[in-house]
Amino acid sequence: MAEPMIQITLCWSLQPRQVQEHAMQVPEGSTVQSLMAQVLTAGLPQVSGADLAKLPFMHPGIWGHKVLWTARVHEGDRIELYRDLKVDPKVARRQRFKRQGKGRTGLFANRKSGVAAGY
């Protein structure tokens, strides 16, 4: 008797704003690591070999929550592979704020005339 299969979706993005999804069936009780082993051996039709080699070095997550490679997958799960951040979000926000200027953003946007900055 064959093992029961479950339907999952594998999502990844090797470049900004280019998300790829692949629906697949895996045996019930599979882990994220066994799923990646299956993907690497079988390959994916829309992914080149060089891009496929990058996938195991990404960080796994299920429905937006980081998980370990040993986490089990369940029916309907969306397995996501995350890239490393290139810029710290706090640093990026500070740079954006500096570029936009203090007078046009946040608390300072609708300042009444004659009032000190920040009030």
PDB file of N, CA and C in Angstrom:
ATOM      1  N   MET A   1       0.834  -1.178   0.000  1.00  0.00           N
ATOM      2  CA  MET A   1       0.000   0.000   0.000  1.00  0.00           C
ATOM      3  C   MET A   1       0.884   1.249   0.000  1.00  0.00           C
ATOM      4  N   ALA A   2       0.581   2.201  -0.836  1.00  0.00           N
ATOM      5  CA  ALA A   2       1.382   3.420  -0.952  1.00  0.00           C
ATOM      6  C   ALA A   2       1.096   4.368   0.203  1.00  0.00           C
ATOM      7  N   GLU A   3       2.098   5.171   0.516  1.00  0.00           N
ATOM      8  CA  GLU A   3       1.931   6.168   1.575  1.00  0.00           C
ATOM      9  C   GLU A   3       0.930   7.228   1.133  1.00  0.00           C
ATOM     10  N   PRO A   4       0.121   7.746   2.072  1.00  0.00           N
ATOM     11  CA  PRO A   4      -0.792   8.838   1.694  1.00  0.00           C
ATOM     12  C   PRO A   4       0.021  10.089   1.342  1.00  0.00           C
ATOM     13  N   MET A   5      -0.425  10.797   0.326  1.00  0.00           N
ATOM     14  CA  MET A   5       0.273  11.994  -0.134  1.00  0.00           C
ATOM     15  C   MET A   5      -0.496  13.238   0.327  1.00  0.00           C
ATOM     16  N   ILE A   6       0.249  14.312   0.574  1.00  0.00           N
ATOM     17  CA  ILE A   6      -0.358  15.581   0.948  1.00  0.00           C
ATOM     18  C   ILE A   6       0.074  16.646  -0.061  1.00  0.00           C
ATOM     19  N   GLN A   7      -0.769  17.648  -0.239  1.00  0.00           N
ATOM     20  CA  GLN A   7      -0.510  18.733  -1.183  1.00  0.00           C
ATOM     21  C   GLN A   7       0.118  19.907  -0.434  1.00  0.00           C
ATOM     22  N   ILE A   8       1.264  20.403  -0.907  1.00  0.00           N
ATOM     23  CA  ILE A   8       1.907  21.580  -0.320  1.00  0.00           C
ATOM     24  C   ILE A   8       2.304  22.532  -1.455  1.00  0.00           C
ATOM     25  N   THR A   9       2.691  23.746  -1.085  1.00  0.00           N
ATOM     26  CA  THR A   9       3.184  24.727  -2.047  1.00  0.00           C
ATOM     27  C   THR A   9       4.559  25.190  -1.601  1.00  0.00           C
ATOM     28  N   LEU A  10       5.519  25.161  -2.506  1.00  0.00           N
ATOM     29  CA  LEU A  10       6.876  25.621  -2.229  1.00  0.00           C
ATOM     30  C   LEU A  10       7.046  26.979  -2.893  1.00  0.00           C
ATOM     31  N   CYS A  11       7.482  27.987  -2.116  1.00  0.00           N
ATOM     32  CA  CYS A  11       7.645  29.351  -2.627  1.00  0.00           C
ATOM     33  C   CYS A  11       9.059  29.831  -2.329  1.00  0.00           C
ATOM     34  N   TRP A  12       9.632  30.581  -3.279  1.00  0.00           N
ATOM     35  CA  TRP A  12      10.953  31.145  -3.080  1.00  0.00           C
ATOM     36  C   TRP A  12      11.110  32.371  -3.961  1.00  0.00           C
ATOM     37  N   SER A  13      12.105  33.182  -3.628  1.00  0.00           N
ATOM     38  CA  SER A  13      12.391  34.377  -4.404  1.00  0.00           C
ATOM     39  C   SER A  13      13.897  34.566  -4.418  1.00  0.00           C
ATOM     40  N   LEU A  14      14.492  34.398  -5.581  1.00  0.00           N
ATOM     41  CA  LEU A  14      15.932  34.573  -5.688  1.00  0.00           C
ATOM     42  C   LEU A  14      16.307  36.027  -5.925  1.00  0.00           C
ATOM     43  N   GLN A  15      15.348  36.830  -6.405  1.00  0.00           N
ATOM     44  CA  GLN A  15      15.562  38.255  -6.639  1.00  0.00           C
ATOM     45  C   GLN A  15      14.360  39.020  -6.106  1.00  0.00           C
ATOM     46  N   PRO A  16      14.553  40.287  -5.762  1.00  0.00           N
ATOM     47  CA  PRO A  16      13.418  41.076  -5.275  1.00  0.00           C
ATOM     48  C   PRO A  16      12.275  41.128  -6.285  1.00  0.00           C
ATOM     49  N   ARG A  17      11.060  41.036  -5.787  1.00  0.00           N
ATOM     50  CA  ARG A  17       9.820  41.147  -6.564  1.00  0.00           C
ATOM     51  C   ARG A  17       9.650  40.060  -7.623  1.00  0.00           C
ATOM     52  N   GLN A  18      10.294  38.927  -7.440  1.00  0.00           N
ATOM     53  CA  GLN A  18      10.127  37.802  -8.354  1.00  0.00           C
ATOM     54  C   GLN A  18       9.895  36.531  -7.547  1.00  0.00           C
ATOM     55  N   VAL A  19       8.668  36.308  -7.134  1.00  0.00           N
ATOM     56  CA  VAL A  19       8.313  35.156  -6.323  1.00  0.00           C
ATOM     57  C   VAL A  19       7.889  34.015  -7.240  1.00  0.00           C
ATOM     58  N   GLN A  20       8.401  32.831  -6.960  1.00  0.00           N
ATOM     59  CA  GLN A  20       8.021  31.654  -7.727  1.00  0.00           C
ATOM     60  C   GLN A  20       7.348  30.662  -6.791  1.00  0.00           C
ATOM     61  N   GLU A  21       6.327  29.990  -7.298  1.00  0.00           N
ATOM     62  CA  GLU A  21       5.583  29.000  -6.520  1.00  0.00           C
ATOM     63  C   GLU A  21       5.542  27.695  -7.300  1.00  0.00           C
ATOM     64  N   HIS A  22       5.543  26.604  -6.552  1.00  0.00           N
ATOM     65  CA  HIS A  22       5.433  25.288  -7.178  1.00  0.00           C
ATOM     66  C   HIS A  22       4.593  24.396  -6.265  1.00  0.00           C
ATOM     67  N   ALA A  23       3.441  23.959  -6.749  1.00  0.00           N
ATOM     68  CA  ALA A  23       2.593  23.041  -5.980  1.00  0.00           C
ATOM     69  C   ALA A  23       3.103  21.624  -6.198  1.00  0.00           C
ATOM     70  N   MET A  24       3.139  20.846  -5.143  1.00  0.00           N
ATOM     71  CA  MET A  24       3.634  19.476  -5.261  1.00  0.00           C
ATOM     72  C   MET A  24       2.996  18.583  -4.215  1.00  0.00           C
ATOM     73  N   GLN A  25       3.115  17.288  -4.435  1.00  0.00           N
ATOM     74  CA  GLN A  25       2.623  16.312  -3.479  1.00  0.00           C
ATOM     75  C   GLN A  25       3.817  15.594  -2.873  1.00  0.00           C
ATOM     76  N   VAL A  26       3.781  15.442  -1.562  1.00  0.00           N
ATOM     77  CA  VAL A  26       4.843  14.762  -0.823  1.00  0.00           C
ATOM     78  C   VAL A  26       4.211  13.739   0.105  1.00  0.00           C
ATOM     79  N   PRO A  27       4.973  12.737   0.514  1.00  0.00           N
ATOM     80  CA  PRO A  27       4.426  11.753   1.455  1.00  0.00           C
ATOM     81  C   PRO A  27       4.079  12.391   2.799  1.00  0.00           C
ATOM     82  N   GLU A  28       3.035  11.917   3.413  1.00  0.00           N
ATOM     83  CA  GLU A  28       2.617  12.425   4.721  1.00  0.00           C
ATOM     84  C   GLU A  28       3.734  12.179   5.728  1.00  0.00           C
ATOM     85  N   GLY A  29       4.010  13.145   6.590  1.00  0.00           N
ATOM     86  CA  GLY A  29       5.067  13.023   7.589  1.00  0.00           C
ATOM     87  C   GLY A  29       6.424  13.498   7.094  1.00  0.00           C
ATOM     88  N   SER A  30       6.485  14.095   5.912  1.00  0.00           N
ATOM     89  CA  SER A  30       7.748  14.606   5.375  1.00  0.00           C
ATOM     90  C   SER A  30       8.212  15.821   6.164  1.00  0.00           C
ATOM     91  N   THR A  31       9.515  16.059   6.162  1.00  0.00           N
ATOM     92  CA  THR A  31      10.082  17.256   6.769  1.00  0.00           C
ATOM     93  C   THR A  31      10.462  18.230   5.655  1.00  0.00           C
ATOM     94  N   VAL A  32      10.779  19.446   6.043  1.00  0.00           N
ATOM     95  CA  VAL A  32      11.203  20.447   5.064  1.00  0.00           C
ATOM     96  C   VAL A  32      12.484  19.979   4.376  1.00  0.00           C
ATOM     97  N   GLN A  33      13.374  19.354   5.137  1.00  0.00           N
ATOM     98  CA  GLN A  33      14.636  18.872   4.577  1.00  0.00           C
ATOM     99  C   GLN A  33      14.407  17.761   3.553  1.00  0.00           C
ATOM    100  N   SER A  34      13.515  16.825   3.844  1.00  0.00           N
ATOM    101  CA  SER A  34      13.232  15.755   2.883  1.00  0.00           C
ATOM    102  C   SER A  34      12.532  16.308   1.644  1.00  0.00           C
ATOM    103  N   LEU A  35      11.725  17.340   1.832  1.00  0.00           N
ATOM    104  CA  LEU A  35      11.080  18.016   0.704  1.00  0.00           C
ATOM    105  C   LEU A  35      12.132  18.631  -0.209  1.00  0.00           C
ATOM    106  N   MET A  36      13.130  19.300   0.377  1.00  0.00           N
ATOM    107  CA  MET A  36      14.193  19.910  -0.434  1.00  0.00           C
ATOM    108  C   MET A  36      15.032  18.850  -1.128  1.00  0.00           C
ATOM    109  N   ALA A  37      15.267  17.729  -0.470  1.00  0.00           N
ATOM    110  CA  ALA A  37      16.003  16.637  -1.115  1.00  0.00           C
ATOM    111  C   ALA A  37      15.234  16.120  -2.324  1.00  0.00           C
ATOM    112  N   GLN A  38      13.928  16.024  -2.188  1.00  0.00           N
ATOM    113  CA  GLN A  38      13.075  15.575  -3.298  1.00  0.00           C
ATOM    114  C   GLN A  38      13.130  16.582  -4.448  1.00  0.00           C
ATOM    115  N   VAL A  39      13.097  17.867  -4.125  1.00  0.00           N
ATOM    116  CA  VAL A  39      13.145  18.912  -5.159  1.00  0.00           C
ATOM    117  C   VAL A  39      14.486  18.888  -5.879  1.00  0.00           C
ATOM    118  N   LEU A  40      15.575  18.717  -5.117  1.00  0.00           N
ATOM    119  CA  LEU A  40      16.899  18.728  -5.729  1.00  0.00           C
ATOM    120  C   LEU A  40      17.134  17.519  -6.631  1.00  0.00           C
ATOM    121  N   THR A  41      16.585  16.364  -6.270  1.00  0.00           N
ATOM    122  CA  THR A  41      16.783  15.182  -7.107  1.00  0.00           C
ATOM    123  C   THR A  41      15.879  15.195  -8.334  1.00  0.00           C
ATOM    124  N   ALA A  42      14.622  15.621  -8.156  1.00  0.00           N
ATOM    125  CA  ALA A  42      13.683  15.617  -9.277  1.00  0.00           C
ATOM    126  C   ALA A  42      13.807  16.873 -10.128  1.00  0.00           C
ATOM    127  N   GLY A  43      14.210  17.984  -9.504  1.00  0.00           N
ATOM    128  CA  GLY A  43      14.289  19.253 -10.223  1.00  0.00           C
ATOM    129  C   GLY A  43      12.921  19.891 -10.357  1.00  0.00           C
ATOM    130  N   LEU A  44      12.907  21.115 -10.830  1.00  0.00           N
ATOM    131  CA  LEU A  44      11.669  21.842 -11.075  1.00  0.00           C
ATOM    132  C   LEU A  44      11.699  22.330 -12.522  1.00  0.00           C
ATOM    133  N   PRO A  45      10.586  22.210 -13.223  1.00  0.00           N
ATOM    134  CA  PRO A  45      10.589  22.545 -14.649  1.00  0.00           C
ATOM    135  C   PRO A  45      10.945  23.997 -14.963  1.00  0.00           C
ATOM    136  N   GLN A  46      10.536  24.954 -14.123  1.00  0.00           N
ATOM    137  CA  GLN A  46      10.750  26.361 -14.445  1.00  0.00           C
ATOM    138  C   GLN A  46      12.021  26.937 -13.830  1.00  0.00           C
ATOM    139  N   VAL A  47      12.879  26.099 -13.223  1.00  0.00           N
ATOM    140  CA  VAL A  47      14.056  26.596 -12.520  1.00  0.00           C
ATOM    141  C   VAL A  47      15.317  26.011 -13.146  1.00  0.00           C
ATOM    142  N   SER A  48      16.310  26.869 -13.376  1.00  0.00           N
ATOM    143  CA  SER A  48      17.582  26.388 -13.930  1.00  0.00           C
ATOM    144  C   SER A  48      18.386  25.676 -12.842  1.00  0.00           C
ATOM    145  N   GLY A  49      19.367  24.932 -13.256  1.00  0.00           N
ATOM    146  CA  GLY A  49      20.192  24.183 -12.303  1.00  0.00           C
ATOM    147  C   GLY A  49      20.963  25.077 -11.352  1.00  0.00           C
ATOM    148  N   ALA A  50      21.450  26.223 -11.848  1.00  0.00           N
ATOM    149  CA  ALA A  50      22.206  27.146 -10.996  1.00  0.00           C
ATOM    150  C   ALA A  50      21.306  27.737  -9.918  1.00  0.00           C
ATOM    151  N   ASP A  51      20.081  28.106 -10.281  1.00  0.00           N
ATOM    152  CA  ASP A  51      19.145  28.653  -9.299  1.00  0.00           C
ATOM    153  C   ASP A  51      18.695  27.589  -8.312  1.00  0.00           C
ATOM    154  N   LEU A  52      18.532  26.371  -8.787  1.00  0.00           N
ATOM    155  CA  LEU A  52      18.115  25.260  -7.933  1.00  0.00           C
ATOM    156  C   LEU A  52      19.161  24.976  -6.860  1.00  0.00           C
ATOM    157  N   ALA A  53      20.429  25.171  -7.192  1.00  0.00           N
ATOM    158  CA  ALA A  53      21.513  24.932  -6.233  1.00  0.00           C
ATOM    159  C   ALA A  53      21.507  25.954  -5.101  1.00  0.00           C
ATOM    160  N   LYS A  54      20.890  27.126  -5.295  1.00  0.00           N
ATOM    161  CA  LYS A  54      20.844  28.158  -4.258  1.00  0.00           C
ATOM    162  C   LYS A  54      19.770  27.888  -3.210  1.00  0.00           C
ATOM    163  N   LEU A  55      18.751  27.124  -3.550  1.00  0.00           N
ATOM    164  CA  LEU A  55      17.610  26.927  -2.648  1.00  0.00           C
ATOM    165  C   LEU A  55      17.977  26.332  -1.287  1.00  0.00           C
ATOM    166  N   PRO A  56      18.859  25.316  -1.200  1.00  0.00           N
ATOM    167  CA  PRO A  56      19.159  24.761   0.128  1.00  0.00           C
ATOM    168  C   PRO A  56      19.874  25.732   1.063  1.00  0.00           C
ATOM    169  N   PHE A  57      20.402  26.832   0.545  1.00  0.00           N
ATOM    170  CA  PHE A  57      21.114  27.788   1.387  1.00  0.00           C
ATOM    171  C   PHE A  57      20.216  28.909   1.887  1.00  0.00           C
ATOM    172  N   MET A  58      18.934  28.830   1.585  1.00  0.00           N
ATOM    173  CA  MET A  58      17.975  29.818   2.060  1.00  0.00           C
ATOM    174  C   MET A  58      17.379  29.329   3.387  1.00  0.00           C
ATOM    175  N   HIS A  59      16.706  30.210   4.090  1.00  0.00           N
ATOM    176  CA  HIS A  59      16.119  29.862   5.392  1.00  0.00           C
ATOM    177  C   HIS A  59      14.666  29.441   5.208  1.00  0.00           C
ATOM    178  N   PRO A  60      14.257  28.289   5.787  1.00  0.00           N
ATOM    179  CA  PRO A  60      12.882  27.815   5.582  1.00  0.00           C
ATOM    180  C   PRO A  60      11.880  28.456   6.532  1.00  0.00           C
ATOM    181  N   GLY A  61      10.637  28.510   6.065  1.00  0.00           N
ATOM    182  CA  GLY A  61       9.531  28.985   6.883  1.00  0.00           C
ATOM    183  C   GLY A  61       8.237  28.366   6.391  1.00  0.00           C
ATOM    184  N   ILE A  62       7.239  28.325   7.259  1.00  0.00           N
ATOM    185  CA  ILE A  62       5.921  27.816   6.890  1.00  0.00           C
ATOM    186  C   ILE A  62       4.917  28.912   7.223  1.00  0.00           C
ATOM    187  N   TRP A  63       4.216  29.375   6.213  1.00  0.00           N
ATOM    188  CA  TRP A  63       3.212  30.436   6.354  1.00  0.00           C
ATOM    189  C   TRP A  63       3.769  31.654   7.083  1.00  0.00           C
ATOM    190  N   GLY A  64       4.970  32.099   6.725  1.00  0.00           N
ATOM    191  CA  GLY A  64       5.522  33.333   7.274  1.00  0.00           C
ATOM    192  C   GLY A  64       6.242  33.193   8.597  1.00  0.00           C
ATOM    193  N   HIS A  65       6.361  31.987   9.124  1.00  0.00           N
ATOM    194  CA  HIS A  65       7.059  31.768  10.385  1.00  0.00           C
ATOM    195  C   HIS A  65       8.282  30.907  10.130  1.00  0.00           C
ATOM    196  N   LYS A  66       9.450  31.383  10.590  1.00  0.00           N
ATOM    197  CA  LYS A  66      10.668  30.605  10.398  1.00  0.00           C
ATOM    198  C   LYS A  66      10.569  29.273  11.137  1.00  0.00           C
ATOM    199  N   VAL A  67      11.057  28.224  10.492  1.00  0.00           N
ATOM    200  CA  VAL A  67      11.066  26.896  11.100  1.00  0.00           C
ATOM    201  C   VAL A  67      12.434  26.265  10.863  1.00  0.00           C
ATOM    202  N   LEU A  68      12.692  25.179  11.563  1.00  0.00           N
ATOM    203  CA  LEU A  68      13.920  24.411  11.350  1.00  0.00           C
ATOM    204  C   LEU A  68      13.738  23.501  10.145  1.00  0.00           C
ATOM    205  N   TRP A  69      14.842  23.034   9.597  1.00  0.00           N
ATOM    206  CA  TRP A  69      14.780  22.115   8.457  1.00  0.00           C
ATOM    207  C   TRP A  69      14.104  20.803   8.852  1.00  0.00           C
ATOM    208  N   THR A  70      14.064  20.491  10.145  1.00  0.00           N
ATOM    209  CA  THR A  70      13.484  19.234  10.604  1.00  0.00           C
ATOM    210  C   THR A  70      11.979  19.331  10.875  1.00  0.00           C
ATOM    211  N   ALA A  71      11.379  20.486  10.621  1.00  0.00           N
ATOM    212  CA  ALA A  71       9.940  20.666  10.866  1.00  0.00           C
ATOM    213  C   ALA A  71       9.121  19.826   9.892  1.00  0.00           C
ATOM    214  N   ARG A  72       8.053  19.230  10.398  1.00  0.00           N
ATOM    215  CA  ARG A  72       7.166  18.420   9.550  1.00  0.00           C
ATOM    216  C   ARG A  72       6.205  19.313   8.792  1.00  0.00           C
ATOM    217  N   VAL A  73       5.875  18.887   7.585  1.00  0.00           N
ATOM    218  CA  VAL A  73       4.909  19.640   6.786  1.00  0.00           C
ATOM    219  C   VAL A  73       3.551  18.957   6.865  1.00  0.00           C
ATOM    220  N   HIS A  74       2.492  19.743   6.744  1.00  0.00           N
ATOM    221  CA  HIS A  74       1.126  19.240   6.835  1.00  0.00           C
ATOM    222  C   HIS A  74       0.361  19.611   5.571  1.00  0.00           C
ATOM    223  N   GLU A  75      -0.794  19.021   5.403  1.00  0.00           N
ATOM    224  CA  GLU A  75      -1.645  19.265   4.241  1.00  0.00           C
ATOM    225  C   GLU A  75      -1.922  20.758   4.079  1.00  0.00           C
ATOM    226  N   GLY A  76      -1.693  21.298   2.880  1.00  0.00           N
ATOM    227  CA  GLY A  76      -1.992  22.682   2.573  1.00  0.00           C
ATOM    228  C   GLY A  76      -0.954  23.688   3.023  1.00  0.00           C
ATOM    229  N   ASP A  77       0.169  23.239   3.581  1.00  0.00           N
ATOM    230  CA  ASP A  77       1.204  24.167   4.037  1.00  0.00           C
ATOM    231  C   ASP A  77       1.831  24.905   2.862  1.00  0.00           C
ATOM    232  N   ARG A  78       2.251  26.122   3.143  1.00  0.00           N
ATOM    233  CA  ARG A  78       3.003  26.914   2.171  1.00  0.00           C
ATOM    234  C   ARG A  78       4.424  27.009   2.715  1.00  0.00           C
ATOM    235  N   ILE A  79       5.342  26.264   2.104  1.00  0.00           N
ATOM    236  CA  ILE A  79       6.738  26.255   2.521  1.00  0.00           C
ATOM    237  C   ILE A  79       7.435  27.402   1.799  1.00  0.00           C
ATOM    238  N   GLU A  80       8.064  28.290   2.566  1.00  0.00           N
ATOM    239  CA  GLU A  80       8.710  29.461   1.995  1.00  0.00           C
ATOM    240  C   GLU A  80      10.206  29.398   2.274  1.00  0.00           C
ATOM    241  N   LEU A  81      10.999  29.796   1.295  1.00  0.00           N
ATOM    242  CA  LEU A  81      12.446  29.859   1.455  1.00  0.00           C
ATOM    243  C   LEU A  81      12.858  31.322   1.400  1.00  0.00           C
ATOM    244  N   TYR A  82      13.522  31.791   2.479  1.00  0.00           N
ATOM    245  CA  TYR A  82      13.838  33.204   2.621  1.00  0.00           C
ATOM    246  C   TYR A  82      15.303  33.479   2.298  1.00  0.00           C
ATOM    247  N   ARG A  83      15.544  34.615   1.609  1.00  0.00           N
ATOM    248  CA  ARG A  83      16.906  35.077   1.351  1.00  0.00           C
ATOM    249  C   ARG A  83      17.420  35.801   2.587  1.00  0.00           C
ATOM    250  N   ASP A  84      18.755  35.941   2.688  1.00  0.00           N
ATOM    251  CA  ASP A  84      19.341  36.763   3.740  1.00  0.00           C
ATOM    252  C   ASP A  84      19.050  38.227   3.437  1.00  0.00           C
ATOM    253  N   LEU A  85      18.868  39.025   4.489  1.00  0.00           N
ATOM    254  CA  LEU A  85      18.677  40.458   4.303  1.00  0.00           C
ATOM    255  C   LEU A  85      20.007  41.092   3.907  1.00  0.00           C
ATOM    256  N   LYS A  86      19.972  42.005   2.948  1.00  0.00           N
ATOM    257  CA  LYS A  86      21.185  42.700   2.532  1.00  0.00           C
ATOM    258  C   LYS A  86      21.382  43.977   3.328  1.00  0.00           C
ATOM    259  N   VAL A  87      20.282  44.561   3.808  1.00  0.00           N
ATOM    260  CA  VAL A  87      20.333  45.798   4.582  1.00  0.00           C
ATOM    261  C   VAL A  87      19.446  45.617   5.807  1.00  0.00           C
ATOM    262  N   ASP A  88      19.934  46.062   6.948  1.00  0.00           N
ATOM    263  CA  ASP A  88      19.138  46.026   8.168  1.00  0.00           C
ATOM    264  C   ASP A  88      17.937  46.961   7.987  1.00  0.00           C
ATOM    265  N   PRO A  89      16.702  46.500   8.258  1.00  0.00           N
ATOM    266  CA  PRO A  89      15.521  47.354   8.063  1.00  0.00           C
ATOM    267  C   PRO A  89      15.575  48.664   8.837  1.00  0.00           C
ATOM    268  N   LYS A  90      16.181  48.659  10.017  1.00  0.00           N
ATOM    269  CA  LYS A  90      16.276  49.899  10.797  1.00  0.00           C
ATOM    270  C   LYS A  90      17.187  50.908  10.104  1.00  0.00           C
ATOM    271  N   VAL A  91      18.285  50.423   9.554  1.00  0.00           N
ATOM    272  CA  VAL A  91      19.217  51.300   8.840  1.00  0.00           C
ATOM    273  C   VAL A  91      18.545  51.848   7.585  1.00  0.00           C
ATOM    274  N   ALA A  92      17.826  50.996   6.863  1.00  0.00           N
ATOM    275  CA  ALA A  92      17.143  51.432   5.641  1.00  0.00           C
ATOM    276  C   ALA A  92      16.116  52.515   5.958  1.00  0.00           C
ATOM    277  N   ARG A  93      15.393  52.376   7.059  1.00  0.00           N
ATOM    278  CA  ARG A  93      14.385  53.374   7.437  1.00  0.00           C
ATOM    279  C   ARG A  93      15.054  54.702   7.772  1.00  0.00           C
ATOM    280  N   ARG A  94      16.164  54.637   8.512  1.00  0.00           N
ATOM    281  CA  ARG A  94      16.887  55.868   8.843  1.00  0.00           C
ATOM    282  C   ARG A  94      17.366  56.584   7.585  1.00  0.00           C
ATOM    283  N   GLN A  95      17.878  55.830   6.623  1.00  0.00           N
ATOM    284  CA  GLN A  95      18.356  56.426   5.374  1.00  0.00           C
ATOM    285  C   GLN A  95      17.204  57.051   4.588  1.00  0.00           C
ATOM    286  N   ARG A  96      16.059  56.360   4.536  1.00  0.00           N
ATOM    287  CA  ARG A  96      14.892  56.905   3.851  1.00  0.00           C
ATOM    288  C   ARG A  96      14.434  58.212   4.501  1.00  0.00           C
ATOM    289  N   PHE A  97      14.393  58.221   5.820  1.00  0.00           N
ATOM    290  CA  PHE A  97      13.963  59.398   6.563  1.00  0.00           C
ATOM    291  C   PHE A  97      14.914  60.566   6.305  1.00  0.00           C
ATOM    292  N   LYS A  98      16.205  60.270   6.276  1.00  0.00           N
ATOM    293  CA  LYS A  98      17.212  61.288   6.032  1.00  0.00           C
ATOM    294  C   LYS A  98      17.070  61.861   4.616  1.00  0.00           C
ATOM    295  N   ARG A  99      16.796  60.997   3.652  1.00  0.00           N
ATOM    296  CA  ARG A  99      16.648  61.408   2.259  1.00  0.00           C
ATOM    297  C   ARG A  99      15.385  62.254   2.054  1.00  0.00           C
ATOM    298  N   GLN A 100      14.299  61.889   2.722  1.00  0.00           N
ATOM    299  CA  GLN A 100      13.031  62.594   2.556  1.00  0.00           C
ATOM    300  C   GLN A 100      13.016  63.929   3.287  1.00  0.00           C
ATOM    301  N   GLY A 101      13.770  64.030   4.312  1.00  0.00           N
ATOM    302  CA  GLY A 101      13.785  65.257   5.099  1.00  0.00           C
ATOM    303  C   GLY A 101      12.806  65.175   6.254  1.00  0.00           C
ATOM    304  N   LYS A 102      13.099  65.919   7.304  1.00  0.00           N
ATOM    305  CA  LYS A 102      12.291  65.856   8.518  1.00  0.00           C
ATOM    306  C   LYS A 102      10.943  66.554   8.357  1.00  0.00           C
ATOM    307  N   GLY A 103      10.855  67.555   7.524  1.00  0.00           N
ATOM    308  CA  GLY A 103       9.668  68.385   7.465  1.00  0.00           C
ATOM    309  C   GLY A 103       8.470  67.764   6.781  1.00  0.00           C
ATOM    310  N   ARG A 104       8.642  66.666   6.040  1.00  0.00           N
ATOM    311  CA  ARG A 104       7.533  66.155   5.243  1.00  0.00           C
ATOM    312  C   ARG A 104       7.011  64.795   5.698  1.00  0.00           C
ATOM    313  N   THR A 105       7.539  64.246   6.776  1.00  0.00           N
ATOM    314  CA  THR A 105       7.140  62.889   7.142  1.00  0.00           C
ATOM    315  C   THR A 105       6.697  62.802   8.594  1.00  0.00           C
ATOM    316  N   GLY A 106       5.911  61.776   8.881  1.00  0.00           N
ATOM    317  CA  GLY A 106       5.550  61.418  10.241  1.00  0.00           C
ATOM    318  C   GLY A 106       4.872  62.522  11.024  1.00  0.00           C
ATOM    319  N   LEU A 107       5.346  62.739  12.245  1.00  0.00           N
ATOM    320  CA  LEU A 107       4.760  63.742  13.140  1.00  0.00           C
ATOM    321  C   LEU A 107       4.923  65.160  12.612  1.00  0.00           C
ATOM    322  N   PHE A 108       5.912  65.371  11.746  1.00  0.00           N
ATOM    323  CA  PHE A 108       6.252  66.713  11.315  1.00  0.00           C
ATOM    324  C   PHE A 108       5.518  67.122  10.035  1.00  0.00           C
ATOM    325  N   ALA A 109       4.696  66.260   9.486  1.00  0.00           N
ATOM    326  CA  ALA A 109       4.070  66.518   8.193  1.00  0.00           C
ATOM    327  C   ALA A 109       3.042  67.650   8.253  1.00  0.00           C
ATOM    328  N   ASN A 110       2.197  67.667   9.261  1.00  0.00           N
ATOM    329  CA  ASN A 110       1.112  68.658   9.318  1.00  0.00           C
ATOM    330  C   ASN A 110       1.341  69.630  10.470  1.00  0.00           C
ATOM    331  N   ARG A 111       2.435  70.311  10.457  1.00  0.00           N
ATOM    332  CA  ARG A 111       2.768  71.227  11.534  1.00  0.00           C
ATOM    333  C   ARG A 111       2.046  72.560  11.342  1.00  0.00           C
ATOM    334  N   LYS A 112       1.500  73.078  12.419  1.00  0.00           N
ATOM    335  CA  LYS A 112       0.831  74.384  12.364  1.00  0.00           C
ATOM    336  C   LYS A 112       1.900  75.483  12.270  1.00  0.00           C
ATOM    337  N   SER A 113       1.554  76.542  11.610  1.00  0.00           N
ATOM    338  CA  SER A 113       2.512  77.642  11.469  1.00  0.00           C
ATOM    339  C   SER A 113       2.737  78.312  12.824  1.00  0.00           C
ATOM    340  N   GLY A 114       3.991  78.657  13.090  1.00  0.00           N
ATOM    341  CA  GLY A 114       4.344  79.340  14.335  1.00  0.00           C
ATOM    342  C   GLY A 114       4.597  78.400  15.501  1.00  0.00           C
ATOM    343  N   VAL A 115       4.514  77.081  15.294  1.00  0.00           N
ATOM    344  CA  VAL A 115       4.714  76.109  16.360  1.00  0.00           C
ATOM    345  C   VAL A 115       6.111  75.506  16.212  1.00  0.00           C
ATOM    346  N   ALA A 116       6.760  75.197  17.346  1.00  0.00           N
ATOM    347  CA  ALA A 116       8.086  74.606  17.314  1.00  0.00           C
ATOM    348  C   ALA A 116       8.047  73.229  16.646  1.00  0.00           C
ATOM    349  N   ALA A 117       9.166  72.850  16.045  1.00  0.00           N
ATOM    350  CA  ALA A 117       9.254  71.559  15.359  1.00  0.00           C
ATOM    351  C   ALA A 117       8.993  70.423  16.339  1.00  0.00           C
ATOM    352  N   GLY A 118       8.210  69.436  15.923  1.00  0.00           N
ATOM    353  CA  GLY A 118       7.935  68.283  16.758  1.00  0.00           C
ATOM    354  C   GLY A 118       6.672  68.394  17.568  1.00  0.00           C
ATOM    355  N   TYR A 119       5.991  69.563  17.503  1.00  0.00           N
ATOM    356  CA  TYR A 119       4.776  69.738  18.291  1.00  0.00           C
ATOM    357  C   TYR A 119       3.598  69.998  17.428  1.00  0.00           C
TER     358      TYR A 119
END
